[in-house]
mmCIF file of all heavy atoms, coordinates in Angstrom:
data_MODEL
# 
_entry.id   MODEL 
# 
loop_
_atom_site.group_PDB 
_atom_site.id 
_atom_site.type_symbol 
_atom_site.label_atom_id 
_atom_site.label_alt_id 
_atom_site.label_comp_id 
_atom_site.label_asym_id 
_atom_site.label_entity_id 
_atom_site.label_seq_id 
_atom_site.pdbx_PDB_ins_code 
_atom_site.Cartn_x 
_atom_site.Cartn_y 
_atom_site.Cartn_z 
_atom_site.occupancy 
_atom_site.B_iso_or_equiv 
_atom_site.pdbx_formal_charge 
_atom_site.auth_seq_id 
_atom_site.auth_comp_id 
_atom_site.auth_asym_id 
_atom_site.auth_atom_id 
_atom_site.pdbx_PDB_model_num 
ATOM 1   N N   . VAL A 1 1  ? -15.370 -27.304 -2.441  1.00 0.00 ? 1  VAL A N   1 
ATOM 2   C CA  . VAL A 1 1  ? -15.547 -26.383 -1.402  1.00 0.00 ? 1  VAL A CA  1 
ATOM 3   C C   . VAL A 1 1  ? -14.323 -25.394 -1.254  1.00 0.00 ? 1  VAL A C   1 
ATOM 4   O O   . VAL A 1 1  ? -14.325 -24.701 -0.322  1.00 0.00 ? 1  VAL A O   1 
ATOM 5   C CB  . VAL A 1 1  ? -15.689 -27.106 0.072   1.00 0.00 ? 1  VAL A CB  1 
ATOM 6   C CG1 . VAL A 1 1  ? -16.897 -28.200 -0.191  1.00 0.00 ? 1  VAL A CG1 1 
ATOM 7   C CG2 . VAL A 1 1  ? -14.451 -27.949 0.449   1.00 0.00 ? 1  VAL A CG2 1 
ATOM 8   N N   . TYR A 1 2  ? -13.317 -25.514 -2.084  1.00 0.00 ? 2  TYR A N   1 
ATOM 9   C CA  . TYR A 1 2  ? -12.207 -24.624 -1.970  1.00 0.00 ? 2  TYR A CA  1 
ATOM 10  C C   . TYR A 1 2  ? -12.193 -23.601 -3.112  1.00 0.00 ? 2  TYR A C   1 
ATOM 11  O O   . TYR A 1 2  ? -12.396 -23.881 -4.167  1.00 0.00 ? 2  TYR A O   1 
ATOM 12  C CB  . TYR A 1 2  ? -10.900 -25.488 -2.094  1.00 0.00 ? 2  TYR A CB  1 
ATOM 13  C CG  . TYR A 1 2  ? -10.537 -26.167 -0.892  1.00 0.00 ? 2  TYR A CG  1 
ATOM 14  C CD1 . TYR A 1 2  ? -11.066 -27.442 -0.697  1.00 0.00 ? 2  TYR A CD1 1 
ATOM 15  C CD2 . TYR A 1 2  ? -9.565  -25.697 -0.006  1.00 0.00 ? 2  TYR A CD2 1 
ATOM 16  C CE1 . TYR A 1 2  ? -10.706 -28.140 0.484   1.00 0.00 ? 2  TYR A CE1 1 
ATOM 17  C CE2 . TYR A 1 2  ? -9.143  -26.382 1.103   1.00 0.00 ? 2  TYR A CE2 1 
ATOM 18  C CZ  . TYR A 1 2  ? -9.782  -27.589 1.379   1.00 0.00 ? 2  TYR A CZ  1 
ATOM 19  O OH  . TYR A 1 2  ? -9.483  -28.319 2.468   1.00 0.00 ? 2  TYR A OH  1 
ATOM 20  N N   . ALA A 1 3  ? -12.079 -22.292 -2.625  1.00 0.00 ? 3  ALA A N   1 
ATOM 21  C CA  . ALA A 1 3  ? -11.678 -21.231 -3.622  1.00 0.00 ? 3  ALA A CA  1 
ATOM 22  C C   . ALA A 1 3  ? -10.210 -21.626 -4.089  1.00 0.00 ? 3  ALA A C   1 
ATOM 23  O O   . ALA A 1 3  ? -9.465  -22.133 -3.431  1.00 0.00 ? 3  ALA A O   1 
ATOM 24  C CB  . ALA A 1 3  ? -11.809 -19.840 -2.993  1.00 0.00 ? 3  ALA A CB  1 
ATOM 25  N N   . MET A 1 4  ? -9.893  -21.150 -5.307  1.00 0.00 ? 4  MET A N   1 
ATOM 26  C CA  . MET A 1 4  ? -8.585  -21.490 -5.950  1.00 0.00 ? 4  MET A CA  1 
ATOM 27  C C   . MET A 1 4  ? -7.957  -20.270 -6.471  1.00 0.00 ? 4  MET A C   1 
ATOM 28  O O   . MET A 1 4  ? -8.653  -19.276 -6.812  1.00 0.00 ? 4  MET A O   1 
ATOM 29  C CB  . MET A 1 4  ? -8.772  -22.547 -7.110  1.00 0.00 ? 4  MET A CB  1 
ATOM 30  C CG  . MET A 1 4  ? -9.391  -23.843 -6.626  1.00 0.00 ? 4  MET A CG  1 
ATOM 31  S SD  . MET A 1 4  ? -8.274  -24.746 -5.561  1.00 0.00 ? 4  MET A SD  1 
ATOM 32  C CE  . MET A 1 4  ? -6.912  -25.211 -6.625  1.00 0.00 ? 4  MET A CE  1 
ATOM 33  N N   . GLY A 1 5  ? -6.662  -20.226 -6.535  1.00 0.00 ? 5  GLY A N   1 
ATOM 34  C CA  . GLY A 1 5  ? -5.944  -19.109 -7.027  1.00 0.00 ? 5  GLY A CA  1 
ATOM 35  C C   . GLY A 1 5  ? -4.687  -19.548 -7.718  1.00 0.00 ? 5  GLY A C   1 
ATOM 36  O O   . GLY A 1 5  ? -4.075  -20.555 -7.545  1.00 0.00 ? 5  GLY A O   1 
ATOM 37  N N   . TRP A 1 6  ? -4.131  -18.592 -8.500  1.00 0.00 ? 6  TRP A N   1 
ATOM 38  C CA  . TRP A 1 6  ? -2.881  -18.695 -9.181  1.00 0.00 ? 6  TRP A CA  1 
ATOM 39  C C   . TRP A 1 6  ? -1.962  -17.497 -8.724  1.00 0.00 ? 6  TRP A C   1 
ATOM 40  O O   . TRP A 1 6  ? -2.427  -16.391 -8.663  1.00 0.00 ? 6  TRP A O   1 
ATOM 41  C CB  . TRP A 1 6  ? -2.908  -18.616 -10.742 1.00 0.00 ? 6  TRP A CB  1 
ATOM 42  C CG  . TRP A 1 6  ? -3.552  -19.851 -11.446 1.00 0.00 ? 6  TRP A CG  1 
ATOM 43  C CD1 . TRP A 1 6  ? -4.823  -19.968 -11.705 1.00 0.00 ? 6  TRP A CD1 1 
ATOM 44  C CD2 . TRP A 1 6  ? -2.896  -20.993 -11.708 1.00 0.00 ? 6  TRP A CD2 1 
ATOM 45  N NE1 . TRP A 1 6  ? -4.939  -21.203 -12.293 1.00 0.00 ? 6  TRP A NE1 1 
ATOM 46  C CE2 . TRP A 1 6  ? -3.880  -21.867 -12.373 1.00 0.00 ? 6  TRP A CE2 1 
ATOM 47  C CE3 . TRP A 1 6  ? -1.581  -21.379 -11.625 1.00 0.00 ? 6  TRP A CE3 1 
ATOM 48  C CZ2 . TRP A 1 6  ? -3.489  -23.100 -12.838 1.00 0.00 ? 6  TRP A CZ2 1 
ATOM 49  C CZ3 . TRP A 1 6  ? -1.209  -22.744 -12.051 1.00 0.00 ? 6  TRP A CZ3 1 
ATOM 50  C CH2 . TRP A 1 6  ? -2.188  -23.545 -12.755 1.00 0.00 ? 6  TRP A CH2 1 
ATOM 51  N N   . PHE A 1 7  ? -0.732  -17.872 -8.441  1.00 0.00 ? 7  PHE A N   1 
ATOM 52  C CA  . PHE A 1 7  ? 0.345   -16.905 -8.095  1.00 0.00 ? 7  PHE A CA  1 
ATOM 53  C C   . PHE A 1 7  ? 1.545   -17.164 -8.931  1.00 0.00 ? 7  PHE A C   1 
ATOM 54  O O   . PHE A 1 7  ? 1.737   -18.186 -9.485  1.00 0.00 ? 7  PHE A O   1 
ATOM 55  C CB  . PHE A 1 7  ? 0.675   -16.950 -6.597  1.00 0.00 ? 7  PHE A CB  1 
ATOM 56  C CG  . PHE A 1 7  ? -0.477  -16.521 -5.669  1.00 0.00 ? 7  PHE A CG  1 
ATOM 57  C CD1 . PHE A 1 7  ? -1.467  -17.497 -5.375  1.00 0.00 ? 7  PHE A CD1 1 
ATOM 58  C CD2 . PHE A 1 7  ? -0.433  -15.350 -5.031  1.00 0.00 ? 7  PHE A CD2 1 
ATOM 59  C CE1 . PHE A 1 7  ? -2.603  -17.012 -4.512  1.00 0.00 ? 7  PHE A CE1 1 
ATOM 60  C CE2 . PHE A 1 7  ? -1.440  -14.939 -4.255  1.00 0.00 ? 7  PHE A CE2 1 
ATOM 61  C CZ  . PHE A 1 7  ? -2.492  -15.809 -3.916  1.00 0.00 ? 7  PHE A CZ  1 
ATOM 62  N N   . ARG A 1 8  ? 2.366   -16.156 -9.006  1.00 0.00 ? 8  ARG A N   1 
ATOM 63  C CA  . ARG A 1 8  ? 3.664   -16.449 -9.670  1.00 0.00 ? 8  ARG A CA  1 
ATOM 64  C C   . ARG A 1 8  ? 4.797   -15.628 -8.978  1.00 0.00 ? 8  ARG A C   1 
ATOM 65  O O   . ARG A 1 8  ? 4.642   -14.713 -8.257  1.00 0.00 ? 8  ARG A O   1 
ATOM 66  C CB  . ARG A 1 8  ? 3.511   -15.898 -11.154 1.00 0.00 ? 8  ARG A CB  1 
ATOM 67  C CG  . ARG A 1 8  ? 3.474   -14.317 -11.408 1.00 0.00 ? 8  ARG A CG  1 
ATOM 68  C CD  . ARG A 1 8  ? 3.256   -13.981 -12.843 1.00 0.00 ? 8  ARG A CD  1 
ATOM 69  N NE  . ARG A 1 8  ? 3.264   -12.602 -12.955 1.00 0.00 ? 8  ARG A NE  1 
ATOM 70  C CZ  . ARG A 1 8  ? 2.965   -11.962 -14.156 1.00 0.00 ? 8  ARG A CZ  1 
ATOM 71  N NH1 . ARG A 1 8  ? 2.691   -12.612 -15.120 1.00 0.00 ? 8  ARG A NH1 1 
ATOM 72  N NH2 . ARG A 1 8  ? 3.098   -10.620 -14.215 1.00 0.00 ? 8  ARG A NH2 1 
ATOM 73  N N   . GLN A 1 9  ? 6.012   -16.163 -9.238  1.00 0.00 ? 9  GLN A N   1 
ATOM 74  C CA  . GLN A 1 9  ? 7.227   -15.606 -8.656  1.00 0.00 ? 9  GLN A CA  1 
ATOM 75  C C   . GLN A 1 9  ? 8.396   -15.604 -9.643  1.00 0.00 ? 9  GLN A C   1 
ATOM 76  O O   . GLN A 1 9  ? 8.800   -16.763 -10.042 1.00 0.00 ? 9  GLN A O   1 
ATOM 77  C CB  . GLN A 1 9  ? 7.576   -16.317 -7.372  1.00 0.00 ? 9  GLN A CB  1 
ATOM 78  C CG  . GLN A 1 9  ? 8.680   -15.690 -6.611  1.00 0.00 ? 9  GLN A CG  1 
ATOM 79  C CD  . GLN A 1 9  ? 8.810   -16.096 -5.116  1.00 0.00 ? 9  GLN A CD  1 
ATOM 80  O OE1 . GLN A 1 9  ? 8.394   -17.248 -4.859  1.00 0.00 ? 9  GLN A OE1 1 
ATOM 81  N NE2 . GLN A 1 9  ? 9.308   -15.256 -4.229  1.00 0.00 ? 9  GLN A NE2 1 
ATOM 82  N N   . ALA A 1 10 ? 8.910   -14.411 -9.957  1.00 0.00 ? 10 ALA A N   1 
ATOM 83  C CA  . ALA A 1 10 ? 10.080  -14.310 -10.768 1.00 0.00 ? 10 ALA A CA  1 
ATOM 84  C C   . ALA A 1 10 ? 11.291  -14.199 -10.030 1.00 0.00 ? 10 ALA A C   1 
ATOM 85  O O   . ALA A 1 10 ? 11.252  -13.855 -8.796  1.00 0.00 ? 10 ALA A O   1 
ATOM 86  C CB  . ALA A 1 10 ? 9.928   -13.139 -11.654 1.00 0.00 ? 10 ALA A CB  1 
ATOM 87  N N   . PRO A 1 11 ? 12.446  -14.665 -10.549 1.00 0.00 ? 11 PRO A N   1 
ATOM 88  C CA  . PRO A 1 11 ? 13.678  -14.529 -9.700  1.00 0.00 ? 11 PRO A CA  1 
ATOM 89  C C   . PRO A 1 11 ? 13.934  -13.159 -9.131  1.00 0.00 ? 11 PRO A C   1 
ATOM 90  O O   . PRO A 1 11 ? 13.763  -12.115 -9.836  1.00 0.00 ? 11 PRO A O   1 
ATOM 91  C CB  . PRO A 1 11 ? 14.810  -14.847 -10.783 1.00 0.00 ? 11 PRO A CB  1 
ATOM 92  C CG  . PRO A 1 11 ? 14.087  -15.724 -11.707 1.00 0.00 ? 11 PRO A CG  1 
ATOM 93  C CD  . PRO A 1 11 ? 12.738  -15.151 -11.829 1.00 0.00 ? 11 PRO A CD  1 
ATOM 94  N N   . GLY A 1 12 ? 14.188  -13.096 -7.881  1.00 0.00 ? 12 GLY A N   1 
ATOM 95  C CA  . GLY A 1 12 ? 14.501  -11.771 -7.247  1.00 0.00 ? 12 GLY A CA  1 
ATOM 96  C C   . GLY A 1 12 ? 13.290  -10.953 -6.875  1.00 0.00 ? 12 GLY A C   1 
ATOM 97  O O   . GLY A 1 12 ? 13.341  -9.793  -6.405  1.00 0.00 ? 12 GLY A O   1 
ATOM 98  N N   . LYS A 1 13 ? 12.075  -11.438 -7.106  1.00 0.00 ? 13 LYS A N   1 
ATOM 99  C CA  . LYS A 1 13 ? 10.873  -10.674 -6.902  1.00 0.00 ? 13 LYS A CA  1 
ATOM 100 C C   . LYS A 1 13 ? 9.967   -11.423 -5.831  1.00 0.00 ? 13 LYS A C   1 
ATOM 101 O O   . LYS A 1 13 ? 10.104  -12.605 -5.514  1.00 0.00 ? 13 LYS A O   1 
ATOM 102 C CB  . LYS A 1 13 ? 10.090  -10.519 -8.196  1.00 0.00 ? 13 LYS A CB  1 
ATOM 103 C CG  . LYS A 1 13 ? 10.825  -9.586  -9.236  1.00 0.00 ? 13 LYS A CG  1 
ATOM 104 C CD  . LYS A 1 13 ? 9.893   -9.289  -10.461 1.00 0.00 ? 13 LYS A CD  1 
ATOM 105 C CE  . LYS A 1 13 ? 10.562  -8.391  -11.375 1.00 0.00 ? 13 LYS A CE  1 
ATOM 106 N NZ  . LYS A 1 13 ? 9.568   -8.088  -12.577 1.00 0.00 ? 13 LYS A NZ  1 
ATOM 107 N N   . GLU A 1 14 ? 9.016   -10.673 -5.244  1.00 0.00 ? 14 GLU A N   1 
ATOM 108 C CA  . GLU A 1 14 ? 8.103   -11.291 -4.365  1.00 0.00 ? 14 GLU A CA  1 
ATOM 109 C C   . GLU A 1 14 ? 7.054   -12.050 -5.133  1.00 0.00 ? 14 GLU A C   1 
ATOM 110 O O   . GLU A 1 14 ? 6.834   -11.835 -6.321  1.00 0.00 ? 14 GLU A O   1 
ATOM 111 C CB  . GLU A 1 14 ? 7.447   -9.985  -3.531  1.00 0.00 ? 14 GLU A CB  1 
ATOM 112 C CG  . GLU A 1 14 ? 8.297   -9.259  -2.695  1.00 0.00 ? 14 GLU A CG  1 
ATOM 113 C CD  . GLU A 1 14 ? 8.796   -10.032 -1.538  1.00 0.00 ? 14 GLU A CD  1 
ATOM 114 O OE1 . GLU A 1 14 ? 7.975   -10.755 -0.827  1.00 0.00 ? 14 GLU A OE1 1 
ATOM 115 O OE2 . GLU A 1 14 ? 10.092  -10.010 -1.201  1.00 0.00 ? 14 GLU A OE2 1 
ATOM 116 N N   . ARG A 1 15 ? 6.447   -12.959 -4.369  1.00 0.00 ? 15 ARG A N   1 
ATOM 117 C CA  . ARG A 1 15 ? 5.376   -13.640 -4.952  1.00 0.00 ? 15 ARG A CA  1 
ATOM 118 C C   . ARG A 1 15 ? 4.187   -12.713 -5.326  1.00 0.00 ? 15 ARG A C   1 
ATOM 119 O O   . ARG A 1 15 ? 3.835   -11.866 -4.544  1.00 0.00 ? 15 ARG A O   1 
ATOM 120 C CB  . ARG A 1 15 ? 4.894   -14.831 -4.000  1.00 0.00 ? 15 ARG A CB  1 
ATOM 121 C CG  . ARG A 1 15 ? 3.660   -15.657 -4.533  1.00 0.00 ? 15 ARG A CG  1 
ATOM 122 C CD  . ARG A 1 15 ? 3.451   -16.810 -3.630  1.00 0.00 ? 15 ARG A CD  1 
ATOM 123 N NE  . ARG A 1 15 ? 4.587   -17.735 -3.562  1.00 0.00 ? 15 ARG A NE  1 
ATOM 124 C CZ  . ARG A 1 15 ? 4.592   -18.769 -2.832  1.00 0.00 ? 15 ARG A CZ  1 
ATOM 125 N NH1 . ARG A 1 15 ? 3.469   -19.128 -2.121  1.00 0.00 ? 15 ARG A NH1 1 
ATOM 126 N NH2 . ARG A 1 15 ? 5.704   -19.621 -2.783  1.00 0.00 ? 15 ARG A NH2 1 
ATOM 127 N N   . GLU A 1 16 ? 3.529   -12.958 -6.459  1.00 0.00 ? 16 GLU A N   1 
ATOM 128 C CA  . GLU A 1 16 ? 2.528   -11.927 -6.976  1.00 0.00 ? 16 GLU A CA  1 
ATOM 129 C C   . GLU A 1 16 ? 1.300   -12.769 -7.268  1.00 0.00 ? 16 GLU A C   1 
ATOM 130 O O   . GLU A 1 16 ? 1.310   -13.727 -7.910  1.00 0.00 ? 16 GLU A O   1 
ATOM 131 C CB  . GLU A 1 16 ? 3.213   -11.393 -8.363  1.00 0.00 ? 16 GLU A CB  1 
ATOM 132 C CG  . GLU A 1 16 ? 2.148   -10.458 -9.043  1.00 0.00 ? 16 GLU A CG  1 
ATOM 133 C CD  . GLU A 1 16 ? 2.680   -9.914  -10.339 1.00 0.00 ? 16 GLU A CD  1 
ATOM 134 O OE1 . GLU A 1 16 ? 3.731   -10.661 -10.940 1.00 0.00 ? 16 GLU A OE1 1 
ATOM 135 O OE2 . GLU A 1 16 ? 2.355   -8.851  -10.921 1.00 0.00 ? 16 GLU A OE2 1 
ATOM 136 N N   . PHE A 1 17 ? 0.175   -12.035 -6.847  1.00 0.00 ? 17 PHE A N   1 
ATOM 137 C CA  . PHE A 1 17 ? -1.086  -12.556 -7.250  1.00 0.00 ? 17 PHE A CA  1 
ATOM 138 C C   . PHE A 1 17 ? -1.412  -12.472 -8.694  1.00 0.00 ? 17 PHE A C   1 
ATOM 139 O O   . PHE A 1 17 ? -1.106  -11.394 -9.426  1.00 0.00 ? 17 PHE A O   1 
ATOM 140 C CB  . PHE A 1 17 ? -2.200  -11.736 -6.436  1.00 0.00 ? 17 PHE A CB  1 
ATOM 141 C CG  . PHE A 1 17 ? -3.583  -12.163 -6.812  1.00 0.00 ? 17 PHE A CG  1 
ATOM 142 C CD1 . PHE A 1 17 ? -4.177  -13.265 -6.508  1.00 0.00 ? 17 PHE A CD1 1 
ATOM 143 C CD2 . PHE A 1 17 ? -4.338  -11.167 -7.617  1.00 0.00 ? 17 PHE A CD2 1 
ATOM 144 C CE1 . PHE A 1 17 ? -5.421  -13.588 -6.958  1.00 0.00 ? 17 PHE A CE1 1 
ATOM 145 C CE2 . PHE A 1 17 ? -5.548  -11.500 -7.934  1.00 0.00 ? 17 PHE A CE2 1 
ATOM 146 C CZ  . PHE A 1 17 ? -6.207  -12.648 -7.605  1.00 0.00 ? 17 PHE A CZ  1 
ATOM 147 N N   . VAL A 1 18 ? -1.987  -13.521 -9.254  1.00 0.00 ? 18 VAL A N   1 
ATOM 148 C CA  . VAL A 1 18 ? -2.380  -13.595 -10.736 1.00 0.00 ? 18 VAL A CA  1 
ATOM 149 C C   . VAL A 1 18 ? -3.821  -13.569 -10.872 1.00 0.00 ? 18 VAL A C   1 
ATOM 150 O O   . VAL A 1 18 ? -4.487  -12.650 -11.550 1.00 0.00 ? 18 VAL A O   1 
ATOM 151 C CB  . VAL A 1 18 ? -1.736  -14.847 -11.357 1.00 0.00 ? 18 VAL A CB  1 
ATOM 152 C CG1 . VAL A 1 18 ? -2.210  -14.844 -12.889 1.00 0.00 ? 18 VAL A CG1 1 
ATOM 153 C CG2 . VAL A 1 18 ? -0.183  -14.729 -11.374 1.00 0.00 ? 18 VAL A CG2 1 
ATOM 154 N N   . ALA A 1 19 ? -4.554  -14.413 -10.306 1.00 0.00 ? 19 ALA A N   1 
ATOM 155 C CA  . ALA A 1 19 ? -6.020  -14.703 -10.466 1.00 0.00 ? 19 ALA A CA  1 
ATOM 156 C C   . ALA A 1 19 ? -6.464  -15.569 -9.363  1.00 0.00 ? 19 ALA A C   1 
ATOM 157 O O   . ALA A 1 19 ? -5.795  -16.398 -8.860  1.00 0.00 ? 19 ALA A O   1 
ATOM 158 C CB  . ALA A 1 19 ? -6.311  -15.194 -11.805 1.00 0.00 ? 19 ALA A CB  1 
ATOM 159 N N   . ALA A 1 20 ? -7.808  -15.392 -9.103  1.00 0.00 ? 20 ALA A N   1 
ATOM 160 C CA  . ALA A 1 20 ? -8.630  -16.306 -8.157  1.00 0.00 ? 20 ALA A CA  1 
ATOM 161 C C   . ALA A 1 20 ? -9.940  -16.604 -8.694  1.00 0.00 ? 20 ALA A C   1 
ATOM 162 O O   . ALA A 1 20 ? -10.502 -15.798 -9.466  1.00 0.00 ? 20 ALA A O   1 
ATOM 163 C CB  . ALA A 1 20 ? -8.576  -15.700 -6.803  1.00 0.00 ? 20 ALA A CB  1 
ATOM 164 N N   . ILE A 1 21 ? -10.601 -17.683 -8.195  1.00 0.00 ? 21 ILE A N   1 
ATOM 165 C CA  . ILE A 1 21 ? -11.902 -18.089 -8.618  1.00 0.00 ? 21 ILE A CA  1 
ATOM 166 C C   . ILE A 1 21 ? -12.608 -18.649 -7.396  1.00 0.00 ? 21 ILE A C   1 
ATOM 167 O O   . ILE A 1 21 ? -12.026 -19.356 -6.651  1.00 0.00 ? 21 ILE A O   1 
ATOM 168 C CB  . ILE A 1 21 ? -11.823 -19.161 -9.812  1.00 0.00 ? 21 ILE A CB  1 
ATOM 169 C CG1 . ILE A 1 21 ? -13.167 -19.323 -10.341 1.00 0.00 ? 21 ILE A CG1 1 
ATOM 170 C CG2 . ILE A 1 21 ? -11.081 -20.305 -9.324  1.00 0.00 ? 21 ILE A CG2 1 
ATOM 171 C CD1 . ILE A 1 21 ? -13.114 -20.086 -11.674 1.00 0.00 ? 21 ILE A CD1 1 
ATOM 172 N N   . SER A 1 22 ? -13.848 -18.318 -7.283  1.00 0.00 ? 22 SER A N   1 
ATOM 173 C CA  . SER A 1 22 ? -14.722 -18.884 -6.215  1.00 0.00 ? 22 SER A CA  1 
ATOM 174 C C   . SER A 1 22 ? -14.997 -20.310 -6.348  1.00 0.00 ? 22 SER A C   1 
ATOM 175 O O   . SER A 1 22 ? -14.734 -20.941 -7.313  1.00 0.00 ? 22 SER A O   1 
ATOM 176 C CB  . SER A 1 22 ? -15.998 -18.013 -6.116  1.00 0.00 ? 22 SER A CB  1 
ATOM 177 O OG  . SER A 1 22 ? -16.725 -18.226 -7.343  1.00 0.00 ? 22 SER A OG  1 
ATOM 178 N N   . ARG A 1 23 ? -15.567 -20.870 -5.243  1.00 0.00 ? 23 ARG A N   1 
ATOM 179 C CA  . ARG A 1 23 ? -15.816 -22.252 -5.168  1.00 0.00 ? 23 ARG A CA  1 
ATOM 180 C C   . ARG A 1 23 ? -16.570 -22.871 -6.319  1.00 0.00 ? 23 ARG A C   1 
ATOM 181 O O   . ARG A 1 23 ? -16.257 -23.798 -6.963  1.00 0.00 ? 23 ARG A O   1 
ATOM 182 C CB  . ARG A 1 23 ? -16.543 -22.591 -3.843  1.00 0.00 ? 23 ARG A CB  1 
ATOM 183 C CG  . ARG A 1 23 ? -15.740 -22.402 -2.623  1.00 0.00 ? 23 ARG A CG  1 
ATOM 184 C CD  . ARG A 1 23 ? -16.685 -22.628 -1.378  1.00 0.00 ? 23 ARG A CD  1 
ATOM 185 N NE  . ARG A 1 23 ? -15.890 -22.587 -0.145  1.00 0.00 ? 23 ARG A NE  1 
ATOM 186 C CZ  . ARG A 1 23 ? -16.375 -22.736 1.051   1.00 0.00 ? 23 ARG A CZ  1 
ATOM 187 N NH1 . ARG A 1 23 ? -17.656 -22.921 1.161   1.00 0.00 ? 23 ARG A NH1 1 
ATOM 188 N NH2 . ARG A 1 23 ? -15.663 -22.612 2.114   1.00 0.00 ? 23 ARG A NH2 1 
ATOM 189 N N   . GLY A 1 24 ? -17.701 -22.108 -6.682  1.00 0.00 ? 24 GLY A N   1 
ATOM 190 C CA  . GLY A 1 24 ? -18.549 -22.516 -7.927  1.00 0.00 ? 24 GLY A CA  1 
ATOM 191 C C   . GLY A 1 24 ? -18.009 -22.034 -9.180  1.00 0.00 ? 24 GLY A C   1 
ATOM 192 O O   . GLY A 1 24 ? -18.630 -22.471 -10.172 1.00 0.00 ? 24 GLY A O   1 
ATOM 193 N N   . GLY A 1 25 ? -17.128 -21.221 -9.189  1.00 0.00 ? 25 GLY A N   1 
ATOM 194 C CA  . GLY A 1 25 ? -16.628 -20.664 -10.380 1.00 0.00 ? 25 GLY A CA  1 
ATOM 195 C C   . GLY A 1 25 ? -17.384 -19.446 -10.963 1.00 0.00 ? 25 GLY A C   1 
ATOM 196 O O   . GLY A 1 25 ? -17.071 -18.835 -11.947 1.00 0.00 ? 25 GLY A O   1 
ATOM 197 N N   . GLY A 1 26 ? -18.352 -18.917 -10.186 1.00 0.00 ? 26 GLY A N   1 
ATOM 198 C CA  . GLY A 1 26 ? -19.149 -17.793 -10.537 1.00 0.00 ? 26 GLY A CA  1 
ATOM 199 C C   . GLY A 1 26 ? -18.491 -16.560 -10.372 1.00 0.00 ? 26 GLY A C   1 
ATOM 200 O O   . GLY A 1 26 ? -19.015 -15.469 -11.011 1.00 0.00 ? 26 GLY A O   1 
ATOM 201 N N   . ALA A 1 27 ? -17.438 -16.308 -9.569  1.00 0.00 ? 27 ALA A N   1 
ATOM 202 C CA  . ALA A 1 27 ? -16.732 -15.040 -9.449  1.00 0.00 ? 27 ALA A CA  1 
ATOM 203 C C   . ALA A 1 27 ? -15.285 -15.277 -9.730  1.00 0.00 ? 27 ALA A C   1 
ATOM 204 O O   . ALA A 1 27 ? -14.670 -16.208 -9.160  1.00 0.00 ? 27 ALA A O   1 
ATOM 205 C CB  . ALA A 1 27 ? -16.979 -14.484 -7.984  1.00 0.00 ? 27 ALA A CB  1 
# 
């Protein structure tokens, strides 16, 4: 029931969005 996402953060930088996926994986 949860959408999921990946984020990343490099030293000295803001957290950055990488990718996300819907609950069922269809989007």
